[in-house]
């Protein structure tokens, strides 16, 4: 055996002996009867190791890979148990998934309707089981899917800075409804638009529930608040709105959705939704194939800042 090979084997043996195997629980006081997801994935550390600290670097990478593998196995076990205890249709209409952001790799070819609208639409890349759910349940178009946070499972919400594009009420949003871009995502993974990740306060690899929904009411009216008054000053802004809304299958109250027009991205808060035919206030509506009226409220950059309720007393 070569001396170099012996050194590599020695390093691996050292790693196996030093990296802890039981990393599923976050603390020793967690009872055994709690939810098996009592941990949260931590993104890879950005700490730069010195070149001489190769052992620490390998240990860190090993631990990160082990944590991700454990997360994937826990999600797989949950889904396997659900499938085993559900009927034929229900077994494919729901999955617990690891959420990841969409990127340009998912952009459909030129000529496909969603081409160039990966970030300015509500389409998600989902596992192929949801295509089976559509065919078995004979769901009608538009095919809608609800993504929701899970109490005690999904990591705490991401605290977004004030200059981020998000609705003020998004801090309490727990579910969003959207459409499907394709069904080629790996099992137990769901790839979501960036605005949807922000609305739910998700980090990459946070765990969420995804299910096919068939009872979302058709929309009759929507009110949007532009973040910039520049959009309202566009001469044909109403026509632009109608065109861009075609890339959304549904809308969720409290979200902030982006539109793209002439090289500029515009953001809009969804502040009011009405269902057809009675015009009732609802949390979600489907937009596709609906006679929907849309109007704007005062742009966000024209709103007066709220005054402090209590002024500091003068000395």
C-alpha atoms as a PDB file:
ATOM      1  CA  UNK A   1       0.000   0.000   0.000  1.00  0.00           C
ATOM      2  CA  UNK A   2       1.265   3.473  -0.919  1.00  0.00           C
ATOM      3  CA  UNK A   3       2.138   5.849   1.960  1.00  0.00           C
ATOM      4  CA  UNK A   4      -0.183   8.514   0.477  1.00  0.00           C
ATOM      5  CA  UNK A   5      -3.141   6.100   0.551  1.00  0.00           C
ATOM      6  CA  UNK A   6      -2.397   5.260   4.169  1.00  0.00           C
ATOM      7  CA  UNK A   7      -2.549   8.942   5.069  1.00  0.00           C
ATOM      8  CA  UNK A   8      -5.937   9.380   3.394  1.00  0.00           C
ATOM      9  CA  UNK A   9      -7.366   6.329   5.173  1.00  0.00           C
ATOM     10  CA  UNK A  10      -6.036   7.631   8.487  1.00  0.00           C
ATOM     11  CA  UNK A  11      -7.784  10.982   7.937  1.00  0.00           C
ATOM     12  CA  UNK A  12     -11.101   9.280   7.107  1.00  0.00           C
ATOM     13  CA  UNK A  13     -10.872   7.053  10.165  1.00  0.00           C
ATOM     14  CA  UNK A  14     -10.216  10.106  12.305  1.00  0.00           C
ATOM     15  CA  UNK A  15     -13.290  11.815  10.864  1.00  0.00           C
ATOM     16  CA  UNK A  16     -15.477   8.782  11.514  1.00  0.00           C
ATOM     17  CA  UNK A  17     -14.311   8.668  15.098  1.00  0.00           C
ATOM     18  CA  UNK A  18     -14.776  12.383  15.812  1.00  0.00           C
ATOM     19  CA  UNK A  19     -17.973  13.408  13.973  1.00  0.00           C
ATOM     20  CA  UNK A  20     -21.071  12.694  16.070  1.00  0.00           C
ATOM     21  CA  UNK A  21     -23.607  10.322  14.530  1.00  0.00           C
ATOM     22  CA  UNK A  22     -26.697  11.358  16.519  1.00  0.00           C
ATOM     23  CA  UNK A  23     -27.493  14.878  15.290  1.00  0.00           C
ATOM     24  CA  UNK A  24     -31.255  14.672  14.900  1.00  0.00           C
ATOM     25  CA  UNK A  25     -32.128  16.363  18.191  1.00  0.00           C
ATOM     26  CA  UNK A  26     -31.201  19.923  18.978  1.00  0.00           C
ATOM     27  CA  UNK A  27     -30.789  19.478  22.722  1.00  0.00           C
ATOM     28  CA  UNK A  28     -30.763  16.781  25.342  1.00  0.00           C
ATOM     29  CA  UNK A  29     -33.996  18.002  26.922  1.00  0.00           C
ATOM     30  CA  UNK A  30     -36.131  17.264  23.837  1.00  0.00           C
ATOM     31  CA  UNK A  31     -38.612  14.500  24.755  1.00  0.00           C
ATOM     32  CA  UNK A  32     -38.604  11.352  22.654  1.00  0.00           C
ATOM     33  CA  UNK A  33     -42.300  11.685  21.867  1.00  0.00           C
ATOM     34  CA  UNK A  34     -41.985  15.034  20.036  1.00  0.00           C
ATOM     35  CA  UNK A  35     -42.101  15.540  16.290  1.00  0.00           C
ATOM     36  CA  UNK A  36     -39.202  13.699  14.587  1.00  0.00           C
ATOM     37  CA  UNK A  37     -38.305  16.941  12.778  1.00  0.00           C
ATOM     38  CA  UNK A  38     -36.994  18.652  15.937  1.00  0.00           C
ATOM     39  CA  UNK A  39     -34.012  20.074  14.093  1.00  0.00           C
ATOM     40  CA  UNK A  40     -33.445  22.658  11.389  1.00  0.00           C
ATOM     41  CA  UNK A  41     -30.979  22.499   8.540  1.00  0.00           C
ATOM     42  CA  UNK A  42     -28.156  25.007   8.850  1.00  0.00           C
ATOM     43  CA  UNK A  43     -26.727  26.293   5.544  1.00  0.00           C
ATOM     44  CA  UNK A  44     -23.028  25.607   4.910  1.00  0.00           C
ATOM     45  CA  UNK A  45     -20.731  27.834   6.913  1.00  0.00           C
ATOM     46  CA  UNK A  46     -19.001  30.685   5.092  1.00  0.00           C
ATOM     47  CA  UNK A  47     -16.045  30.507   7.482  1.00  0.00           C
ATOM     48  CA  UNK A  48     -12.765  30.193   5.596  1.00  0.00           C
ATOM     49  CA  UNK A  49     -10.418  27.642   7.034  1.00  0.00           C
ATOM     50  CA  UNK A  50      -6.676  27.999   6.937  1.00  0.00           C
ATOM     51  CA  UNK A  51      -4.970  25.733   4.447  1.00  0.00           C
ATOM     52  CA  UNK A  52      -3.217  23.924   7.306  1.00  0.00           C
ATOM     53  CA  UNK A  53      -6.504  23.169   9.056  1.00  0.00           C
ATOM     54  CA  UNK A  54      -7.537  20.454   6.585  1.00  0.00           C
ATOM     55  CA  UNK A  55      -8.895  18.171   9.325  1.00  0.00           C
ATOM     56  CA  UNK A  56     -11.338  20.831  10.564  1.00  0.00           C
ATOM     57  CA  UNK A  57     -12.413  21.596   7.006  1.00  0.00           C
ATOM     58  CA  UNK A  58     -13.145  17.934   6.263  1.00  0.00           C
ATOM     59  CA  UNK A  59     -14.989  17.529   9.562  1.00  0.00           C
ATOM     60  CA  UNK A  60     -17.158  20.549   8.775  1.00  0.00           C
ATOM     61  CA  UNK A  61     -18.018  19.303   5.276  1.00  0.00           C
ATOM     62  CA  UNK A  62     -18.741  15.831   6.603  1.00  0.00           C
ATOM     63  CA  UNK A  63     -21.075  17.218   9.271  1.00  0.00           C
ATOM     64  CA  UNK A  64     -22.954  19.376   6.744  1.00  0.00           C
ATOM     65  CA  UNK A  65     -23.413  16.449   4.357  1.00  0.00           C
ATOM     66  CA  UNK A  66     -24.541  14.218   7.218  1.00  0.00           C
ATOM     67  CA  UNK A  67     -27.098  16.789   8.390  1.00  0.00           C
ATOM     68  CA  UNK A  68     -28.549  17.144   4.884  1.00  0.00           C
ATOM     69  CA  UNK A  69     -28.695  13.366   4.437  1.00  0.00           C
ATOM     70  CA  UNK A  70     -30.529  13.027   7.740  1.00  0.00           C
ATOM     71  CA  UNK A  71     -32.999  15.744   6.724  1.00  0.00           C
ATOM     72  CA  UNK A  72     -33.708  14.012   3.418  1.00  0.00           C
ATOM     73  CA  UNK A  73     -34.187  10.686   5.190  1.00  0.00           C
ATOM     74  CA  UNK A  74     -36.631  12.178   7.717  1.00  0.00           C
ATOM     75  CA  UNK A  75     -38.699  13.725   4.910  1.00  0.00           C
ATOM     76  CA  UNK A  76     -38.629  10.453   2.977  1.00  0.00           C
ATOM     77  CA  UNK A  77     -39.756   8.475   6.055  1.00  0.00           C
ATOM     78  CA  UNK A  78     -42.643  10.898   6.660  1.00  0.00           C
ATOM     79  CA  UNK A  79     -43.840  10.643   3.061  1.00  0.00           C
ATOM     80  CA  UNK A  80     -43.473   6.859   3.002  1.00  0.00           C
ATOM     81  CA  UNK A  81     -45.614   6.549   6.129  1.00  0.00           C
ATOM     82  CA  UNK A  82     -48.250   8.877   4.649  1.00  0.00           C
ATOM     83  CA  UNK A  83     -48.400   6.891   1.395  1.00  0.00           C
ATOM     84  CA  UNK A  84     -48.701   3.597   3.278  1.00  0.00           C
ATOM     85  CA  UNK A  85     -51.668   4.831   5.341  1.00  0.00           C
ATOM     86  CA  UNK A  86     -53.580   6.736   2.622  1.00  0.00           C
ATOM     87  CA  UNK A  87     -55.891   5.733  -0.187  1.00  0.00           C
ATOM     88  CA  UNK A  88     -54.842   5.697  -3.830  1.00  0.00           C
ATOM     89  CA  UNK A  89     -55.645   9.333  -4.658  1.00  0.00           C
ATOM     90  CA  UNK A  90     -54.646  10.936  -1.341  1.00  0.00           C
ATOM     91  CA  UNK A  91     -51.298   9.157  -1.427  1.00  0.00           C
ATOM     92  CA  UNK A  92     -50.143  11.285  -4.378  1.00  0.00           C
ATOM     93  CA  UNK A  93     -51.913  14.589  -3.596  1.00  0.00           C
ATOM     94  CA  UNK A  94     -49.630  15.553  -0.705  1.00  0.00           C
ATOM     95  CA  UNK A  95     -45.915  15.550   0.024  1.00  0.00           C
ATOM     96  CA  UNK A  96     -43.627  16.991   2.634  1.00  0.00           C
ATOM     97  CA  UNK A  97     -40.834  18.669   0.664  1.00  0.00           C
ATOM     98  CA  UNK A  98     -37.533  20.428   1.042  1.00  0.00           C
ATOM     99  CA  UNK A  99     -37.957  23.904  -0.474  1.00  0.00           C
ATOM    100  CA  UNK A 100     -35.361  25.325  -2.839  1.00  0.00           C
ATOM    101  CA  UNK A 101     -35.415  28.520  -4.965  1.00  0.00           C
ATOM    102  CA  UNK A 102     -36.007  28.345  -8.711  1.00  0.00           C
ATOM    103  CA  UNK A 103     -33.233  29.577 -10.986  1.00  0.00           C
ATOM    104  CA  UNK A 104     -32.545  29.976 -14.697  1.00  0.00           C
ATOM    105  CA  UNK A 105     -31.915  26.242 -15.101  1.00  0.00           C
ATOM    106  CA  UNK A 106     -35.682  25.725 -14.878  1.00  0.00           C
ATOM    107  CA  UNK A 107     -36.482  28.300 -17.565  1.00  0.00           C
ATOM    108  CA  UNK A 108     -38.526  26.568 -20.309  1.00  0.00           C
ATOM    109  CA  UNK A 109     -37.345  26.726 -23.941  1.00  0.00           C
ATOM    110  CA  UNK A 110     -38.166  29.679 -26.156  1.00  0.00           C
ATOM    111  CA  UNK A 111     -41.744  29.392 -27.358  1.00  0.00           C
ATOM    112  CA  UNK A 112     -43.087  27.940 -24.130  1.00  0.00           C
ATOM    113  CA  UNK A 113     -45.487  30.326 -22.368  1.00  0.00           C
ATOM    114  CA  UNK A 114     -43.512  30.590 -19.108  1.00  0.00           C
ATOM    115  CA  UNK A 115     -40.181  31.249 -20.836  1.00  0.00           C
ATOM    116  CA  UNK A 116     -38.456  34.196 -19.169  1.00  0.00           C
ATOM    117  CA  UNK A 117     -40.946  34.306 -16.282  1.00  0.00           C
ATOM    118  CA  UNK A 118     -39.322  32.017 -13.715  1.00  0.00           C
ATOM    119  CA  UNK A 119     -39.239  34.826 -11.142  1.00  0.00           C
ATOM    120  CA  UNK A 120     -42.268  36.800 -12.374  1.00  0.00           C
ATOM    121  CA  UNK A 121     -44.907  34.113 -12.057  1.00  0.00           C
ATOM    122  CA  UNK A 122     -46.223  31.620  -9.514  1.00  0.00           C
ATOM    123  CA  UNK A 123     -45.069  28.420 -11.189  1.00  0.00           C
ATOM    124  CA  UNK A 124     -43.213  25.752  -9.171  1.00  0.00           C
ATOM    125  CA  UNK A 125     -41.195  22.697 -10.114  1.00  0.00           C
ATOM    126  CA  UNK A 126     -42.712  19.736  -8.259  1.00  0.00           C
ATOM    127  CA  UNK A 127     -42.107  15.975  -7.932  1.00  0.00           C
ATOM    128  CA  UNK A 128     -43.723  13.731 -10.516  1.00  0.00           C
ATOM    129  CA  UNK A 129     -46.172  12.298  -7.956  1.00  0.00           C
ATOM    130  CA  UNK A 130     -48.234  15.486  -8.337  1.00  0.00           C
ATOM    131  CA  UNK A 131     -48.756  14.720 -12.022  1.00  0.00           C
ATOM    132  CA  UNK A 132     -50.173  11.384 -10.916  1.00  0.00           C
ATOM    133  CA  UNK A 133     -52.379  13.297  -8.472  1.00  0.00           C
ATOM    134  CA  UNK A 134     -53.782  15.385 -11.334  1.00  0.00           C
ATOM    135  CA  UNK A 135     -54.503  12.396 -13.550  1.00  0.00           C
ATOM    136  CA  UNK A 136     -56.012  10.252 -10.801  1.00  0.00           C
ATOM    137  CA  UNK A 137     -58.189  13.007  -9.332  1.00  0.00           C
ATOM    138  CA  UNK A 138     -59.069  14.420 -12.795  1.00  0.00           C
ATOM    139  CA  UNK A 139     -58.403  17.915 -11.467  1.00  0.00           C
ATOM    140  CA  UNK A 140     -59.510  20.762 -13.694  1.00  0.00           C
ATOM    141  CA  UNK A 141     -57.243  23.483 -15.045  1.00  0.00           C
ATOM    142  CA  UNK A 142     -55.704  25.527 -13.519  1.00  0.00           C
ATOM    143  CA  UNK A 143     -53.835  22.982 -11.413  1.00  0.00           C
ATOM    144  CA  UNK A 144     -53.129  24.695  -8.115  1.00  0.00           C
ATOM    145  CA  UNK A 145     -50.865  23.672  -5.257  1.00  0.00           C
ATOM    146  CA  UNK A 146     -50.680  25.014  -1.726  1.00  0.00           C
ATOM    147  CA  UNK A 147     -47.286  25.445  -0.068  1.00  0.00           C
ATOM    148  CA  UNK A 148     -47.449  25.894   3.698  1.00  0.00           C
ATOM    149  CA  UNK A 149     -45.178  26.273   6.678  1.00  0.00           C
ATOM    150  CA  UNK A 150     -45.344  23.542   9.333  1.00  0.00           C
ATOM    151  CA  UNK A 151     -45.535  24.359  13.032  1.00  0.00           C
ATOM    152  CA  UNK A 152     -42.586  22.877  14.869  1.00  0.00           C
ATOM    153  CA  UNK A 153     -40.961  21.683  11.635  1.00  0.00           C
ATOM    154  CA  UNK A 154     -40.201  24.627   9.365  1.00  0.00           C
ATOM    155  CA  UNK A 155     -37.309  26.739  10.631  1.00  0.00           C
ATOM    156  CA  UNK A 156     -38.095  30.165  12.153  1.00  0.00           C
ATOM    157  CA  UNK A 157     -38.985  32.830   9.615  1.00  0.00           C
ATOM    158  CA  UNK A 158     -36.247  34.758   7.853  1.00  0.00           C
ATOM    159  CA  UNK A 159     -36.188  38.333   9.089  1.00  0.00           C
ATOM    160  CA  UNK A 160     -36.105  40.413   5.914  1.00  0.00           C
ATOM    161  CA  UNK A 161     -34.554  43.897   5.934  1.00  0.00           C
ATOM    162  CA  UNK A 162     -36.830  46.897   5.442  1.00  0.00           C
ATOM    163  CA  UNK A 163     -35.641  47.514   1.892  1.00  0.00           C
ATOM    164  CA  UNK A 164     -36.644  44.038   0.716  1.00  0.00           C
ATOM    165  CA  UNK A 165     -39.690  43.705  -1.547  1.00  0.00           C
ATOM    166  CA  UNK A 166     -42.299  42.097   0.653  1.00  0.00           C
ATOM    167  CA  UNK A 167     -45.716  42.889   2.096  1.00  0.00           C
ATOM    168  CA  UNK A 168     -45.924  44.241   5.638  1.00  0.00           C
ATOM    169  CA  UNK A 169     -48.342  41.440   6.589  1.00  0.00           C
ATOM    170  CA  UNK A 170     -46.111  38.699   5.157  1.00  0.00           C
ATOM    171  CA  UNK A 171     -44.624  38.141   8.621  1.00  0.00           C
ATOM    172  CA  UNK A 172     -47.747  36.143   9.528  1.00  0.00           C
ATOM    173  CA  UNK A 173     -48.310  34.423   6.182  1.00  0.00           C
ATOM    174  CA  UNK A 174     -48.236  30.635   6.503  1.00  0.00           C
ATOM    175  CA  UNK A 175     -49.472  29.414   3.104  1.00  0.00           C
ATOM    176  CA  UNK A 176     -49.322  30.423  -0.557  1.00  0.00           C
ATOM    177  CA  UNK A 177     -51.102  28.967  -3.591  1.00  0.00           C
ATOM    178  CA  UNK A 178     -49.473  28.726  -7.024  1.00  0.00           C
ATOM    179  CA  UNK A 179     -49.300  26.726 -10.233  1.00  0.00           C
ATOM    180  CA  UNK A 180     -46.956  24.117 -11.666  1.00  0.00           C
ATOM    181  CA  UNK A 181     -44.077  24.836 -14.020  1.00  0.00           C
ATOM    182  CA  UNK A 182     -43.193  21.166 -14.463  1.00  0.00           C
ATOM    183  CA  UNK A 183     -43.061  17.874 -12.592  1.00  0.00           C
ATOM    184  CA  UNK A 184     -39.371  17.032 -12.899  1.00  0.00           C
ATOM    185  CA  UNK A 185     -38.205  18.008  -9.434  1.00  0.00           C
ATOM    186  CA  UNK A 186     -36.398  15.248  -7.482  1.00  0.00           C
ATOM    187  CA  UNK A 187     -38.581  13.318  -5.036  1.00  0.00           C
ATOM    188  CA  UNK A 188     -39.162  15.202  -1.768  1.00  0.00           C
ATOM    189  CA  UNK A 189     -37.992  18.528  -3.250  1.00  0.00           C
ATOM    190  CA  UNK A 190     -40.008  21.552  -4.412  1.00  0.00           C
ATOM    191  CA  UNK A 191     -38.477  24.514  -6.257  1.00  0.00           C
ATOM    192  CA  UNK A 192     -40.286  27.813  -5.628  1.00  0.00           C
ATOM    193  CA  UNK A 193     -40.043  31.358  -7.069  1.00  0.00           C
ATOM    194  CA  UNK A 194     -37.994  33.745  -4.953  1.00  0.00           C
ATOM    195  CA  UNK A 195     -41.001  35.935  -4.075  1.00  0.00           C
ATOM    196  CA  UNK A 196     -42.810  32.876  -2.719  1.00  0.00           C
ATOM    197  CA  UNK A 197     -39.808  31.921  -0.580  1.00  0.00           C
ATOM    198  CA  UNK A 198     -39.770  35.477   0.840  1.00  0.00           C
ATOM    199  CA  UNK A 199     -43.529  35.524   1.468  1.00  0.00           C
ATOM    200  CA  UNK A 200     -43.275  32.377   3.587  1.00  0.00           C
ATOM    201  CA  UNK A 201     -40.012  33.444   5.243  1.00  0.00           C
ATOM    202  CA  UNK A 202     -38.147  30.396   3.924  1.00  0.00           C
ATOM    203  CA  UNK A 203     -34.471  29.646   3.601  1.00  0.00           C
ATOM    204  CA  UNK A 204     -33.130  27.149   1.072  1.00  0.00           C
ATOM    205  CA  UNK A 205     -33.743  23.595   2.353  1.00  0.00           C
ATOM    206  CA  UNK A 206     -36.494  24.574   4.797  1.00  0.00           C
ATOM    207  CA  UNK A 207     -39.183  21.886   5.081  1.00  0.00           C
ATOM    208  CA  UNK A 208     -42.733  22.650   3.878  1.00  0.00           C
ATOM    209  CA  UNK A 209     -45.964  20.846   3.044  1.00  0.00           C
ATOM    210  CA  UNK A 210     -47.197  20.805  -0.561  1.00  0.00           C
ATOM    211  CA  UNK A 211     -50.628  19.581  -1.644  1.00  0.00           C
ATOM    212  CA  UNK A 212     -52.942  19.699  -4.633  1.00  0.00           C
ATOM    213  CA  UNK A 213     -55.916  21.990  -3.988  1.00  0.00           C
ATOM    214  CA  UNK A 214     -59.111  21.896  -6.020  1.00  0.00           C
ATOM    215  CA  UNK A 215     -61.462  24.213  -4.126  1.00  0.00           C
ATOM    216  CA  UNK A 216     -59.807  27.596  -4.636  1.00  0.00           C
ATOM    217  CA  UNK A 217     -62.615  30.006  -5.632  1.00  0.00           C
ATOM    218  CA  UNK A 218     -62.463  31.927  -8.918  1.00  0.00           C
ATOM    219  CA  UNK A 219     -61.548  35.567  -8.522  1.00  0.00           C
ATOM    220  CA  UNK A 220     -63.763  38.493  -9.466  1.00  0.00           C
ATOM    221  CA  UNK A 221     -61.611  41.429  -8.360  1.00  0.00           C
ATOM    222  CA  UNK A 222     -58.110  42.169  -7.090  1.00  0.00           C
ATOM    223  CA  UNK A 223     -56.545  45.328  -5.678  1.00  0.00           C
ATOM    224  CA  UNK A 224     -52.792  45.797  -5.971  1.00  0.00           C
ATOM    225  CA  UNK A 225     -50.477  48.365  -4.419  1.00  0.00           C
ATOM    226  CA  UNK A 226     -47.476  49.207  -6.630  1.00  0.00           C
ATOM    227  CA  UNK A 227     -44.242  49.782  -4.763  1.00  0.00           C
ATOM    228  CA  UNK A 228     -43.252  52.497  -7.229  1.00  0.00           C
ATOM    229  CA  UNK A 229     -45.494  55.166  -8.736  1.00  0.00           C
ATOM    230  CA  UNK A 230     -43.406  54.881 -11.909  1.00  0.00           C
ATOM    231  CA  UNK A 231     -45.487  51.875 -12.955  1.00  0.00           C
ATOM    232  CA  UNK A 232     -48.754  53.821 -12.759  1.00  0.00           C
ATOM    233  CA  UNK A 233     -47.186  56.514 -14.935  1.00  0.00           C
ATOM    234  CA  UNK A 234     -46.700  54.015 -17.773  1.00  0.00           C
ATOM    235  CA  UNK A 235     -49.168  54.971 -20.492  1.00  0.00           C
ATOM    236  CA  UNK A 236     -50.573  51.468 -20.980  1.00  0.00           C
ATOM    237  CA  UNK A 237     -50.050  50.182 -17.428  1.00  0.00           C
ATOM    238  CA  UNK A 238     -53.485  48.528 -17.295  1.00  0.00           C
ATOM    239  CA  UNK A 239     -52.690  46.475 -20.397  1.00  0.00           C
ATOM    240  CA  UNK A 240     -49.291  45.553 -18.915  1.00  0.00           C
ATOM    241  CA  UNK A 241     -51.036  44.416 -15.730  1.00  0.00           C
ATOM    242  CA  UNK A 242     -53.456  42.182 -17.621  1.00  0.00           C
ATOM    243  CA  UNK A 243     -50.606  40.657 -19.634  1.00  0.00           C
ATOM    244  CA  UNK A 244     -48.380  39.966 -16.644  1.00  0.00           C
ATOM    245  CA  UNK A 245     -51.203  38.516 -14.535  1.00  0.00           C
ATOM    246  CA  UNK A 246     -51.476  35.724 -17.093  1.00  0.00           C
ATOM    247  CA  UNK A 247     -48.306  34.269 -15.601  1.00  0.00           C
ATOM    248  CA  UNK A 248     -50.075  33.771 -12.264  1.00  0.00           C
ATOM    249  CA  UNK A 249     -52.548  30.924 -11.833  1.00  0.00           C
ATOM    250  CA  UNK A 250     -53.653  32.182  -8.401  1.00  0.00           C
ATOM    251  CA  UNK A 251     -53.149  35.069  -5.989  1.00  0.00           C
ATOM    252  CA  UNK A 252     -52.728  34.999  -2.215  1.00  0.00           C
ATOM    253  CA  UNK A 253     -53.627  37.903   0.052  1.00  0.00           C
ATOM    254  CA  UNK A 254     -50.600  39.422   1.789  1.00  0.00           C
ATOM    255  CA  UNK A 255     -48.020  38.421  -0.814  1.00  0.00           C
ATOM    256  CA  UNK A 256     -45.837  40.681  -2.945  1.00  0.00           C
ATOM    257  CA  UNK A 257     -45.681  39.648  -6.590  1.00  0.00           C
ATOM    258  CA  UNK A 258     -43.248  40.895  -9.264  1.00  0.00           C
ATOM    259  CA  UNK A 259     -43.977  41.961 -12.853  1.00  0.00           C
ATOM    260  CA  UNK A 260     -41.372  42.471 -15.537  1.00  0.00           C
ATOM    261  CA  UNK A 261     -41.715  45.193 -18.164  1.00  0.00           C
ATOM    262  CA  UNK A 262     -39.099  46.607 -20.534  1.00  0.00           C
ATOM    263  CA  UNK A 263     -36.114  45.512 -18.490  1.00  0.00           C
ATOM    264  CA  UNK A 264     -37.554  46.742 -15.187  1.00  0.00           C
ATOM    265  CA  UNK A 265     -39.012  44.651 -12.358  1.00  0.00           C
ATOM    266  CA  UNK A 266     -42.003  46.128 -10.538  1.00  0.00           C
ATOM    267  CA  UNK A 267     -43.416  44.835  -7.247  1.00  0.00           C
ATOM    268  CA  UNK A 268     -47.039  44.831  -6.097  1.00  0.00           C
ATOM    269  CA  UNK A 269     -48.667  44.053  -2.743  1.00  0.00           C
ATOM    270  CA  UNK A 270     -51.852  41.994  -2.998  1.00  0.00           C
ATOM    271  CA  UNK A 271     -54.077  43.997  -0.631  1.00  0.00           C
ATOM    272  CA  UNK A 272     -57.588  42.748  -1.458  1.00  0.00           C
ATOM    273  CA  UNK A 273     -59.137  39.711  -3.154  1.00  0.00           C
ATOM    274  CA  UNK A 274     -62.784  39.071  -4.029  1.00  0.00           C
ATOM    275  CA  UNK A 275     -64.309  35.807  -5.174  1.00  0.00           C
ATOM    276  CA  UNK A 276     -66.955  35.242  -7.827  1.00  0.00           C
ATOM    277  CA  UNK A 277     -69.873  35.529  -8.062  1.00  0.00           C
ATOM    278  CA  UNK A 278     -70.720  37.309  -4.756  1.00  0.00           C
ATOM    279  CA  UNK A 279     -67.608  39.391  -4.321  1.00  0.00           C
ATOM    280  CA  UNK A 280     -66.738  37.981  -0.900  1.00  0.00           C
ATOM    281  CA  UNK A 281     -63.375  38.741   0.698  1.00  0.00           C
ATOM    282  CA  UNK A 282     -61.133  35.672   0.505  1.00  0.00           C
ATOM    283  CA  UNK A 283     -57.509  34.756   1.206  1.00  0.00           C
ATOM    284  CA  UNK A 284     -56.808  33.109  -2.171  1.00  0.00           C
ATOM    285  CA  UNK A 285     -58.385  33.160  -5.628  1.00  0.00           C
ATOM    286  CA  UNK A 286     -57.583  31.547  -8.920  1.00  0.00           C
ATOM    287  CA  UNK A 287     -56.801  33.989 -11.696  1.00  0.00           C
ATOM    288  CA  UNK A 288     -56.480  31.822 -14.778  1.00  0.00           C
ATOM    289  CA  UNK A 289     -59.611  31.515 -16.943  1.00  0.00           C
ATOM    290  CA  UNK A 290     -61.468  34.051 -14.775  1.00  0.00           C
ATOM    291  CA  UNK A 291     -63.200  37.332 -15.571  1.00  0.00           C
ATOM    292  CA  UNK A 292     -61.073  39.318 -13.147  1.00  0.00           C
ATOM    293  CA  UNK A 293     -61.118  43.075 -12.674  1.00  0.00           C
ATOM    294  CA  UNK A 294     -57.897  44.588 -11.347  1.00  0.00           C
ATOM    295  CA  UNK A 295     -57.277  48.038  -9.918  1.00  0.00           C
ATOM    296  CA  UNK A 296     -54.448  49.862  -8.200  1.00  0.00           C
ATOM    297  CA  UNK A 297     -54.420  51.628  -4.864  1.00  0.00           C
ATOM    298  CA  UNK A 298     -52.024  54.436  -3.950  1.00  0.00           C
ATOM    299  CA  UNK A 299     -48.413  53.412  -4.653  1.00  0.00           C
ATOM    300  CA  UNK A 300     -46.250  52.529  -1.695  1.00  0.00           C
ATOM    301  CA  UNK A 301     -43.761  55.323  -2.351  1.00  0.00           C
ATOM    302  CA  UNK A 302     -46.578  57.896  -2.073  1.00  0.00           C
ATOM    303  CA  UNK A 303     -47.868  56.753   1.315  1.00  0.00           C
ATOM    304  CA  UNK A 304     -47.193  59.080   4.205  1.00  0.00           C
ATOM    305  CA  UNK A 305     -45.007  57.556   6.939  1.00  0.00           C
ATOM    306  CA  UNK A 306     -46.947  56.637  10.038  1.00  0.00           C
ATOM    307  CA  UNK A 307     -46.498  58.993  12.944  1.00  0.00           C
ATOM    308  CA  UNK A 308     -45.418  57.675  16.317  1.00  0.00           C
ATOM    309  CA  UNK A 309     -48.407  57.136  18.566  1.00  0.00           C
ATOM    310  CA  UNK A 310     -46.580  58.454  21.605  1.00  0.00           C
ATOM    311  CA  UNK A 311     -44.198  61.362  21.416  1.00  0.00           C
ATOM    312  CA  UNK A 312     -41.268  61.593  23.744  1.00  0.00           C
ATOM    313  CA  UNK A 313     -41.995  64.041  26.542  1.00  0.00           C
ATOM    314  CA  UNK A 314     -39.838  67.149  26.553  1.00  0.00           C
ATOM    315  CA  UNK A 315     -37.488  67.743  29.455  1.00  0.00           C
END
